[in-house]
C-alpha cells in the first residue's frame, strides 16, 4: 500500500517516507525528516527536519516533533536530531525538542504514551513503555527509564533521572532523581512507598516485591546511606541491586521519604 497524503498537507520532496503512512489535512513534514512505515499523522501535526521516526507511531492533532531547543543561544543551522522508535502515541499538542549540540539526539523509545499538551525538552532520553500524563513538563537532559508512570501536571527539572517502574504523582515538583520501583509525590516531592500497584500489574513475583519492601525499609531506616546500601546489597537480589546501582550513579541526589 502506498502512503496516503491529504491534498492540503505539505510534505517536502526532501523528506523520506516508507510505506503505508497516513498524513492528514494541513500536516507539515519538513525537508530531511525520515519516517518509517505505517505512521499516522493527524491534521495540523508538524514533523520538523530533525526527526528520524520508525514505524507504527500515532500523532494526534497539533503535535510538533523536533522543534528547536528552548535555549536562547541555539543556532538553528546546527544539525541535531530527534530519534523516535516504534508504536508510540503522541496525543494532541505534544511537543518534543531536538538536541542542543551538533550531531546529538533527543531519544524516545518504543510504545510510549504521551497525553495531551505535555512537553519533552532537548537531549532527553526516554525508554520504553513510559506513560506521561497531560500538561507534564520534562526539562532538558532528563533520563526516564522503562515502565515509569509520570502523572499529569508533573514538572521535572533538567538533568534529572527517573528509574524504571517509578510512579510520580500528579503535580509533583521533581528536582532530584526519582527512585525506581517507588511512588514519589508532592511539592516538595518525597517517596511515599513502593509502587505496589504498578509492580503487581507488571507481573512481579511476590518474592520480588518482598525483597523490594525489605530494601525500602533498609534505605529509610536512618543511619548512613553507605551502611544502608551495604545492607540492601546483602539481600543479594537482582532488583534490590538495581536500586543500589541507581543510587550509586545519582548525580543530583534522590528524593527521599519524609
C-alpha atoms as a PDB file:
ATOM      1  CA  UNK A   1       0.000   0.000   0.000  1.00  0.00           C
ATOM      2  CA  UNK A   2       1.289   3.473  -0.816  1.00  0.00           C
ATOM      3  CA  UNK A   3       1.297   6.468   1.500  1.00  0.00           C
ATOM      4  CA  UNK A   4      -1.970   8.368   1.863  1.00  0.00           C
ATOM      5  CA  UNK A   5      -1.292  12.114   1.925  1.00  0.00           C
ATOM      6  CA  UNK A   6      -4.144  14.598   2.164  1.00  0.00           C
ATOM      7  CA  UNK A   7      -4.030  17.179  -0.643  1.00  0.00           C
ATOM      8  CA  UNK A   8      -3.729  20.049   1.849  1.00  0.00           C
ATOM      9  CA  UNK A   9      -0.744  18.513   3.660  1.00  0.00           C
ATOM     10  CA  UNK A  10       2.722  19.876   2.913  1.00  0.00           C
ATOM     11  CA  UNK A  11       5.236  17.048   2.587  1.00  0.00           C
ATOM     12  CA  UNK A  12       8.696  18.031   1.410  1.00  0.00           C
ATOM     13  CA  UNK A  13      10.175  16.221  -1.531  1.00  0.00           C
ATOM     14  CA  UNK A  14      13.348  16.054   0.578  1.00  0.00           C
ATOM     15  CA  UNK A  15      11.594  14.075   3.341  1.00  0.00           C
ATOM     16  CA  UNK A  16      11.878  10.279   3.363  1.00  0.00           C
ATOM     17  CA  UNK A  17       8.709   8.256   3.917  1.00  0.00           C
ATOM     18  CA  UNK A  18       8.424   4.496   3.996  1.00  0.00           C
ATOM     19  CA  UNK A  19       5.140   2.820   3.109  1.00  0.00           C
ATOM     20  CA  UNK A  20       1.573   2.836   4.441  1.00  0.00           C
ATOM     21  CA  UNK A  21       1.902   6.199   6.176  1.00  0.00           C
ATOM     22  CA  UNK A  22      -1.171   8.423   6.533  1.00  0.00           C
ATOM     23  CA  UNK A  23      -0.754  12.214   6.593  1.00  0.00           C
ATOM     24  CA  UNK A  24      -3.814  14.280   7.448  1.00  0.00           C
ATOM     25  CA  UNK A  25      -5.069  17.736   6.448  1.00  0.00           C
ATOM     26  CA  UNK A  26      -2.661  20.654   6.826  1.00  0.00           C
ATOM     27  CA  UNK A  27       0.037  18.493   8.378  1.00  0.00           C
ATOM     28  CA  UNK A  28       3.635  19.501   7.608  1.00  0.00           C
ATOM     29  CA  UNK A  29       6.651  17.233   7.117  1.00  0.00           C
ATOM     30  CA  UNK A  30       9.843  19.202   6.540  1.00  0.00           C
ATOM     31  CA  UNK A  31      12.981  18.661   4.475  1.00  0.00           C
ATOM     32  CA  UNK A  32      15.199  15.954   5.966  1.00  0.00           C
ATOM     33  CA  UNK A  33      12.558  14.264   8.125  1.00  0.00           C
ATOM     34  CA  UNK A  34      12.636  10.460   7.958  1.00  0.00           C
ATOM     35  CA  UNK A  35       9.569   8.291   8.624  1.00  0.00           C
ATOM     36  CA  UNK A  36       9.363   4.515   8.561  1.00  0.00           C
ATOM     37  CA  UNK A  37       6.170   2.588   7.856  1.00  0.00           C
ATOM     38  CA  UNK A  38       2.549   2.779   8.975  1.00  0.00           C
ATOM     39  CA  UNK A  39       2.746   6.046  10.887  1.00  0.00           C
ATOM     40  CA  UNK A  40      -0.455   8.051  11.386  1.00  0.00           C
ATOM     41  CA  UNK A  41      -0.090  11.840  11.270  1.00  0.00           C
ATOM     42  CA  UNK A  42      -3.277  13.753  12.069  1.00  0.00           C
ATOM     43  CA  UNK A  43      -4.377  17.207  10.978  1.00  0.00           C
ATOM     44  CA  UNK A  44      -2.059  20.156  11.668  1.00  0.00           C
ATOM     45  CA  UNK A  45       0.720  17.980  13.105  1.00  0.00           C
ATOM     46  CA  UNK A  46       4.263  19.137  12.320  1.00  0.00           C
ATOM     47  CA  UNK A  47       7.290  16.885  11.851  1.00  0.00           C
ATOM     48  CA  UNK A  48      10.422  19.003  11.708  1.00  0.00           C
ATOM     49  CA  UNK A  49      13.583  18.352   9.731  1.00  0.00           C
ATOM     50  CA  UNK A  50      15.384  16.860  12.750  1.00  0.00           C
ATOM     51  CA  UNK A  51      13.033  13.877  13.150  1.00  0.00           C
ATOM     52  CA  UNK A  52      14.017  10.266  12.440  1.00  0.00           C
ATOM     53  CA  UNK A  53      10.961   8.145  13.206  1.00  0.00           C
ATOM     54  CA  UNK A  54      10.474   4.398  12.903  1.00  0.00           C
ATOM     55  CA  UNK A  55       7.153   2.537  12.500  1.00  0.00           C
ATOM     56  CA  UNK A  56       3.568   2.457  13.787  1.00  0.00           C
ATOM     57  CA  UNK A  57       3.547   5.786  15.602  1.00  0.00           C
ATOM     58  CA  UNK A  58       0.365   7.850  16.022  1.00  0.00           C
ATOM     59  CA  UNK A  59       0.445  11.644  16.052  1.00  0.00           C
ATOM     60  CA  UNK A  60      -2.756  13.414  17.067  1.00  0.00           C
ATOM     61  CA  UNK A  61      -3.731  16.927  16.028  1.00  0.00           C
ATOM     62  CA  UNK A  62      -1.231  19.767  16.562  1.00  0.00           C
ATOM     63  CA  UNK A  63       1.664  17.567  17.689  1.00  0.00           C
ATOM     64  CA  UNK A  64       5.031  19.214  16.978  1.00  0.00           C
ATOM     65  CA  UNK A  65       8.030  16.892  16.891  1.00  0.00           C
ATOM     66  CA  UNK A  66      11.632  18.037  16.544  1.00  0.00           C
ATOM     67  CA  UNK A  67      11.222  21.723  17.260  1.00  0.00           C
ATOM     68  CA  UNK A  68      14.379  23.610  18.166  1.00  0.00           C
ATOM     69  CA  UNK A  69      15.543  23.600  21.813  1.00  0.00           C
ATOM     70  CA  UNK A  70      14.072  26.264  24.064  1.00  0.00           C
ATOM     71  CA  UNK A  71      17.508  27.704  24.671  1.00  0.00           C
ATOM     72  CA  UNK A  72      18.334  31.278  23.768  1.00  0.00           C
ATOM     73  CA  UNK A  73      21.809  30.541  22.400  1.00  0.00           C
ATOM     74  CA  UNK A  74      20.780  27.795  19.972  1.00  0.00           C
ATOM     75  CA  UNK A  75      21.903  28.212  16.364  1.00  0.00           C
ATOM     76  CA  UNK A  76      19.098  26.922  14.120  1.00  0.00           C
ATOM     77  CA  UNK A  77      21.613  25.867  11.487  1.00  0.00           C
ATOM     78  CA  UNK A  78      23.116  23.305  13.898  1.00  0.00           C
ATOM     79  CA  UNK A  79      22.331  19.741  12.721  1.00  0.00           C
ATOM     80  CA  UNK A  80      20.759  17.953  15.690  1.00  0.00           C
ATOM     81  CA  UNK A  81      18.089  15.265  15.822  1.00  0.00           C
ATOM     82  CA  UNK A  82      15.050  13.750  17.477  1.00  0.00           C
ATOM     83  CA  UNK A  83      15.080   9.955  17.277  1.00  0.00           C
ATOM     84  CA  UNK A  84      11.754   8.169  17.786  1.00  0.00           C
ATOM     85  CA  UNK A  85      11.181   4.427  17.963  1.00  0.00           C
ATOM     86  CA  UNK A  86       8.014   2.491  17.139  1.00  0.00           C
ATOM     87  CA  UNK A  87       4.491   2.193  18.484  1.00  0.00           C
ATOM     88  CA  UNK A  88       4.365   5.499  20.326  1.00  0.00           C
ATOM     89  CA  UNK A  89       1.192   7.545  20.800  1.00  0.00           C
ATOM     90  CA  UNK A  90       1.513  11.338  20.857  1.00  0.00           C
ATOM     91  CA  UNK A  91      -1.783  12.936  21.796  1.00  0.00           C
ATOM     92  CA  UNK A  92      -2.957  16.452  20.983  1.00  0.00           C
ATOM     93  CA  UNK A  93      -0.432  19.305  21.255  1.00  0.00           C
ATOM     94  CA  UNK A  94       2.508  17.213  22.476  1.00  0.00           C
ATOM     95  CA  UNK A  95       5.857  18.911  21.769  1.00  0.00           C
ATOM     96  CA  UNK A  96       9.348  17.388  21.776  1.00  0.00           C
ATOM     97  CA  UNK A  97      12.572  19.263  21.008  1.00  0.00           C
ATOM     98  CA  UNK A  98      15.628  18.059  19.136  1.00  0.00           C
ATOM     99  CA  UNK A  99      19.061  18.036  20.797  1.00  0.00           C
ATOM    100  CA  UNK A 100      21.164  21.069  21.584  1.00  0.00           C
ATOM    101  CA  UNK A 101      24.649  20.227  20.284  1.00  0.00           C
ATOM    102  CA  UNK A 102      25.766  19.253  16.788  1.00  0.00           C
ATOM    103  CA  UNK A 103      25.186  15.600  15.970  1.00  0.00           C
ATOM    104  CA  UNK A 104      23.408  14.846  19.249  1.00  0.00           C
ATOM    105  CA  UNK A 105      19.930  13.327  19.614  1.00  0.00           C
ATOM    106  CA  UNK A 106      16.911  13.534  21.829  1.00  0.00           C
ATOM    107  CA  UNK A 107      15.690   9.929  22.055  1.00  0.00           C
ATOM    108  CA  UNK A 108      12.221   8.442  22.550  1.00  0.00           C
ATOM    109  CA  UNK A 109      11.991   4.644  22.624  1.00  0.00           C
ATOM    110  CA  UNK A 110       9.057   2.347  21.850  1.00  0.00           C
ATOM    111  CA  UNK A 111       5.407   2.107  22.926  1.00  0.00           C
ATOM    112  CA  UNK A 112       5.351   5.263  24.997  1.00  0.00           C
ATOM    113  CA  UNK A 113       2.036   7.028  25.639  1.00  0.00           C
ATOM    114  CA  UNK A 114       2.172  10.818  25.821  1.00  0.00           C
ATOM    115  CA  UNK A 115      -1.081  12.522  26.803  1.00  0.00           C
ATOM    116  CA  UNK A 116      -2.109  15.941  25.563  1.00  0.00           C
ATOM    117  CA  UNK A 117      -0.212  19.208  25.953  1.00  0.00           C
ATOM    118  CA  UNK A 118       2.930  17.726  27.511  1.00  0.00           C
ATOM    119  CA  UNK A 119       6.492  18.688  26.620  1.00  0.00           C
ATOM    120  CA  UNK A 120       9.857  16.909  26.462  1.00  0.00           C
ATOM    121  CA  UNK A 121      12.922  19.141  26.295  1.00  0.00           C
ATOM    122  CA  UNK A 122      16.165  18.803  24.375  1.00  0.00           C
ATOM    123  CA  UNK A 123      18.593  15.896  24.873  1.00  0.00           C
ATOM    124  CA  UNK A 124      16.186  13.790  26.916  1.00  0.00           C
ATOM    125  CA  UNK A 125      16.414  10.007  26.795  1.00  0.00           C
ATOM    126  CA  UNK A 126      13.046   8.275  27.169  1.00  0.00           C
ATOM    127  CA  UNK A 127      12.936   4.487  27.448  1.00  0.00           C
ATOM    128  CA  UNK A 128      10.104   2.132  26.506  1.00  0.00           C
ATOM    129  CA  UNK A 129       6.522   1.836  27.759  1.00  0.00           C
ATOM    130  CA  UNK A 130       6.585   5.131  29.656  1.00  0.00           C
ATOM    131  CA  UNK A 131       3.280   6.929  30.311  1.00  0.00           C
ATOM    132  CA  UNK A 132       3.107  10.728  30.576  1.00  0.00           C
ATOM    133  CA  UNK A 133       0.027  12.469  31.933  1.00  0.00           C
ATOM    134  CA  UNK A 134      -1.355  15.681  30.421  1.00  0.00           C
ATOM    135  CA  UNK A 135       0.369  19.038  30.926  1.00  0.00           C
ATOM    136  CA  UNK A 136       3.589  17.444  32.129  1.00  0.00           C
ATOM    137  CA  UNK A 137       6.890  19.251  31.521  1.00  0.00           C
ATOM    138  CA  UNK A 138      10.202  17.406  31.187  1.00  0.00           C
ATOM    139  CA  UNK A 139      13.297  19.618  31.285  1.00  0.00           C
ATOM    140  CA  UNK A 140      16.353  19.135  29.115  1.00  0.00           C
ATOM    141  CA  UNK A 141      18.792  16.229  29.571  1.00  0.00           C
ATOM    142  CA  UNK A 142      16.330  14.188  31.648  1.00  0.00           C
ATOM    143  CA  UNK A 143      16.555  10.381  31.504  1.00  0.00           C
ATOM    144  CA  UNK A 144      13.436   8.283  32.110  1.00  0.00           C
ATOM    145  CA  UNK A 145      13.727   4.501  32.300  1.00  0.00           C
ATOM    146  CA  UNK A 146      11.300   1.832  31.072  1.00  0.00           C
ATOM    147  CA  UNK A 147       7.788   1.484  32.510  1.00  0.00           C
ATOM    148  CA  UNK A 148       7.834   4.711  34.500  1.00  0.00           C
ATOM    149  CA  UNK A 149       4.497   6.486  35.012  1.00  0.00           C
ATOM    150  CA  UNK A 150       4.543  10.284  35.128  1.00  0.00           C
ATOM    151  CA  UNK A 151       1.184  11.698  36.194  1.00  0.00           C
ATOM    152  CA  UNK A 152      -0.439  14.885  34.951  1.00  0.00           C
ATOM    153  CA  UNK A 153       0.998  18.284  35.757  1.00  0.00           C
ATOM    154  CA  UNK A 154       4.399  16.968  36.868  1.00  0.00           C
ATOM    155  CA  UNK A 155       7.393  19.275  36.349  1.00  0.00           C
ATOM    156  CA  UNK A 156      10.813  17.598  36.096  1.00  0.00           C
ATOM    157  CA  UNK A 157      13.987  19.678  36.499  1.00  0.00           C
ATOM    158  CA  UNK A 158      16.683  19.345  33.861  1.00  0.00           C
ATOM    159  CA  UNK A 159      19.358  16.620  34.210  1.00  0.00           C
ATOM    160  CA  UNK A 160      17.142  14.512  36.464  1.00  0.00           C
ATOM    161  CA  UNK A 161      16.767  10.731  36.234  1.00  0.00           C
ATOM    162  CA  UNK A 162      13.609   8.711  36.807  1.00  0.00           C
ATOM    163  CA  UNK A 163      14.033   4.989  37.438  1.00  0.00           C
ATOM    164  CA  UNK A 164      12.166   2.058  35.935  1.00  0.00           C
ATOM    165  CA  UNK A 165       8.702   1.279  37.298  1.00  0.00           C
ATOM    166  CA  UNK A 166       8.724   4.564  39.214  1.00  0.00           C
ATOM    167  CA  UNK A 167       5.453   6.413  39.623  1.00  0.00           C
ATOM    168  CA  UNK A 168       5.364  10.186  40.019  1.00  0.00           C
ATOM    169  CA  UNK A 169       2.154  11.609  41.467  1.00  0.00           C
ATOM    170  CA  UNK A 170       0.153  14.403  39.878  1.00  0.00           C
ATOM    171  CA  UNK A 171       1.549  17.952  40.019  1.00  0.00           C
ATOM    172  CA  UNK A 172       4.735  16.787  41.739  1.00  0.00           C
ATOM    173  CA  UNK A 173       7.801  19.033  41.603  1.00  0.00           C
ATOM    174  CA  UNK A 174      10.806  16.862  40.708  1.00  0.00           C
ATOM    175  CA  UNK A 175      14.165  18.483  41.412  1.00  0.00           C
ATOM    176  CA  UNK A 176      16.249  15.362  42.127  1.00  0.00           C
ATOM    177  CA  UNK A 177      16.377  11.802  40.843  1.00  0.00           C
ATOM    178  CA  UNK A 178      13.326   9.564  41.314  1.00  0.00           C
ATOM    179  CA  UNK A 179      13.979   6.088  42.686  1.00  0.00           C
ATOM    180  CA  UNK A 180      12.915   3.047  40.659  1.00  0.00           C
ATOM    181  CA  UNK A 181      10.018   0.877  41.876  1.00  0.00           C
ATOM    182  CA  UNK A 182       8.689   3.605  44.184  1.00  0.00           C
ATOM    183  CA  UNK A 183       5.999   6.295  44.312  1.00  0.00           C
ATOM    184  CA  UNK A 184       7.278   9.868  44.551  1.00  0.00           C
ATOM    185  CA  UNK A 185       4.758  12.655  45.048  1.00  0.00           C
ATOM    186  CA  UNK A 186       4.237  16.161  46.366  1.00  0.00           C
ATOM    187  CA  UNK A 187       5.761  19.641  46.320  1.00  0.00           C
ATOM    188  CA  UNK A 188       8.418  19.329  47.555  1.00  0.00           C
ATOM    189  CA  UNK A 189       8.432  15.737  46.336  1.00  0.00           C
ATOM    190  CA  UNK A 190       9.128  12.791  48.614  1.00  0.00           C
ATOM    191  CA  UNK A 191       8.964   8.998  48.431  1.00  0.00           C
ATOM    192  CA  UNK A 192       5.598   7.681  49.622  1.00  0.00           C
ATOM    193  CA  UNK A 193       6.221   3.927  49.352  1.00  0.00           C
ATOM    194  CA  UNK A 194       6.635   1.169  46.818  1.00  0.00           C
ATOM    195  CA  UNK A 195       4.710   1.338  43.537  1.00  0.00           C
ATOM    196  CA  UNK A 196       2.857  -1.819  44.537  1.00  0.00           C
ATOM    197  CA  UNK A 197       0.011  -1.488  42.046  1.00  0.00           C
ATOM    198  CA  UNK A 198       2.400  -0.935  39.158  1.00  0.00           C
ATOM    199  CA  UNK A 199       4.649  -3.802  40.211  1.00  0.00           C
ATOM    200  CA  UNK A 200       1.753  -6.247  40.567  1.00  0.00           C
ATOM    201  CA  UNK A 201       0.245  -5.211  37.232  1.00  0.00           C
ATOM    202  CA  UNK A 202       3.633  -5.763  35.612  1.00  0.00           C
ATOM    203  CA  UNK A 203       3.700  -9.344  36.890  1.00  0.00           C
ATOM    204  CA  UNK A 204       6.392  -9.039  39.557  1.00  0.00           C
ATOM    205  CA  UNK A 205       6.518 -12.133  41.777  1.00  0.00           C
ATOM    206  CA  UNK A 206       5.717 -11.884  45.468  1.00  0.00           C
ATOM    207  CA  UNK A 207       9.329 -12.748  46.329  1.00  0.00           C
ATOM    208  CA  UNK A 208      10.479  -9.781  44.238  1.00  0.00           C
ATOM    209  CA  UNK A 209       8.046  -7.436  45.955  1.00  0.00           C
ATOM    210  CA  UNK A 210       9.062  -8.771  49.360  1.00  0.00           C
ATOM    211  CA  UNK A 211      12.727  -8.056  48.570  1.00  0.00           C
ATOM    212  CA  UNK A 212      11.889  -4.510  47.433  1.00  0.00           C
ATOM    213  CA  UNK A 213       9.901  -3.936  50.650  1.00  0.00           C
ATOM    214  CA  UNK A 214      12.940  -5.002  52.648  1.00  0.00           C
ATOM    215  CA  UNK A 215      15.140  -2.685  50.607  1.00  0.00           C
ATOM    216  CA  UNK A 216      12.737   0.222  51.160  1.00  0.00           C
ATOM    217  CA  UNK A 217      12.786  -0.335  54.919  1.00  0.00           C
ATOM    218  CA  UNK A 218      16.579  -0.564  54.996  1.00  0.00           C
ATOM    219  CA  UNK A 219      17.087   2.501  52.816  1.00  0.00           C
ATOM    220  CA  UNK A 220      14.981   4.753  55.039  1.00  0.00           C
ATOM    221  CA  UNK A 221      15.709   3.234  58.463  1.00  0.00           C
ATOM    222  CA  UNK A 222      18.062   6.041  59.467  1.00  0.00           C
ATOM    223  CA  UNK A 223      21.821   5.867  59.787  1.00  0.00           C
ATOM    224  CA  UNK A 224      24.267   6.423  56.946  1.00  0.00           C
ATOM    225  CA  UNK A 225      23.411   5.882  53.309  1.00  0.00           C
ATOM    226  CA  UNK A 226      26.570   3.814  52.891  1.00  0.00           C
ATOM    227  CA  UNK A 227      25.570   1.383  55.632  1.00  0.00           C
ATOM    228  CA  UNK A 228      22.020   1.143  54.341  1.00  0.00           C
ATOM    229  CA  UNK A 229      23.157   0.375  50.802  1.00  0.00           C
ATOM    230  CA  UNK A 230      25.517  -2.305  52.122  1.00  0.00           C
ATOM    231  CA  UNK A 231      22.591  -3.911  53.922  1.00  0.00           C
ATOM    232  CA  UNK A 232      20.480  -3.775  50.771  1.00  0.00           C
ATOM    233  CA  UNK A 233      23.215  -5.355  48.668  1.00  0.00           C
ATOM    234  CA  UNK A 234      23.438  -8.140  51.248  1.00  0.00           C
ATOM    235  CA  UNK A 235      19.900  -9.137  50.256  1.00  0.00           C
ATOM    236  CA  UNK A 236      21.565 -10.488  47.107  1.00  0.00           C
ATOM    237  CA  UNK A 237      18.552  -9.857  44.871  1.00  0.00           C
ATOM    238  CA  UNK A 238      18.660  -8.551  41.312  1.00  0.00           C
ATOM    239  CA  UNK A 239      16.016  -5.842  41.791  1.00  0.00           C
ATOM    240  CA  UNK A 240      17.448  -4.519  45.034  1.00  0.00           C
ATOM    241  CA  UNK A 241      20.851  -4.490  43.348  1.00  0.00           C
ATOM    242  CA  UNK A 242      19.343  -2.342  40.577  1.00  0.00           C
ATOM    243  CA  UNK A 243      18.066   0.061  43.226  1.00  0.00           C
ATOM    244  CA  UNK A 244      21.554   0.341  44.714  1.00  0.00           C
ATOM    245  CA  UNK A 245      23.099   0.892  41.294  1.00  0.00           C
ATOM    246  CA  UNK A 246      20.628   3.686  40.547  1.00  0.00           C
ATOM    247  CA  UNK A 247      21.512   5.440  43.789  1.00  0.00           C
ATOM    248  CA  UNK A 248      25.227   4.940  43.228  1.00  0.00           C
ATOM    249  CA  UNK A 249      25.004   6.669  39.833  1.00  0.00           C
ATOM    250  CA  UNK A 250      22.784   9.525  41.006  1.00  0.00           C
ATOM    251  CA  UNK A 251      24.487  12.858  40.429  1.00  0.00           C
ATOM    252  CA  UNK A 252      21.763  15.169  41.719  1.00  0.00           C
ATOM    253  CA  UNK A 253      20.838  13.123  44.773  1.00  0.00           C
ATOM    254  CA  UNK A 254      17.434  11.477  45.050  1.00  0.00           C
ATOM    255  CA  UNK A 255      14.068  12.283  46.573  1.00  0.00           C
ATOM    256  CA  UNK A 256      13.643  10.596  49.963  1.00  0.00           C
ATOM    257  CA  UNK A 257      10.744   9.919  52.265  1.00  0.00           C
ATOM    258  CA  UNK A 258       9.693  12.474  54.859  1.00  0.00           C
END
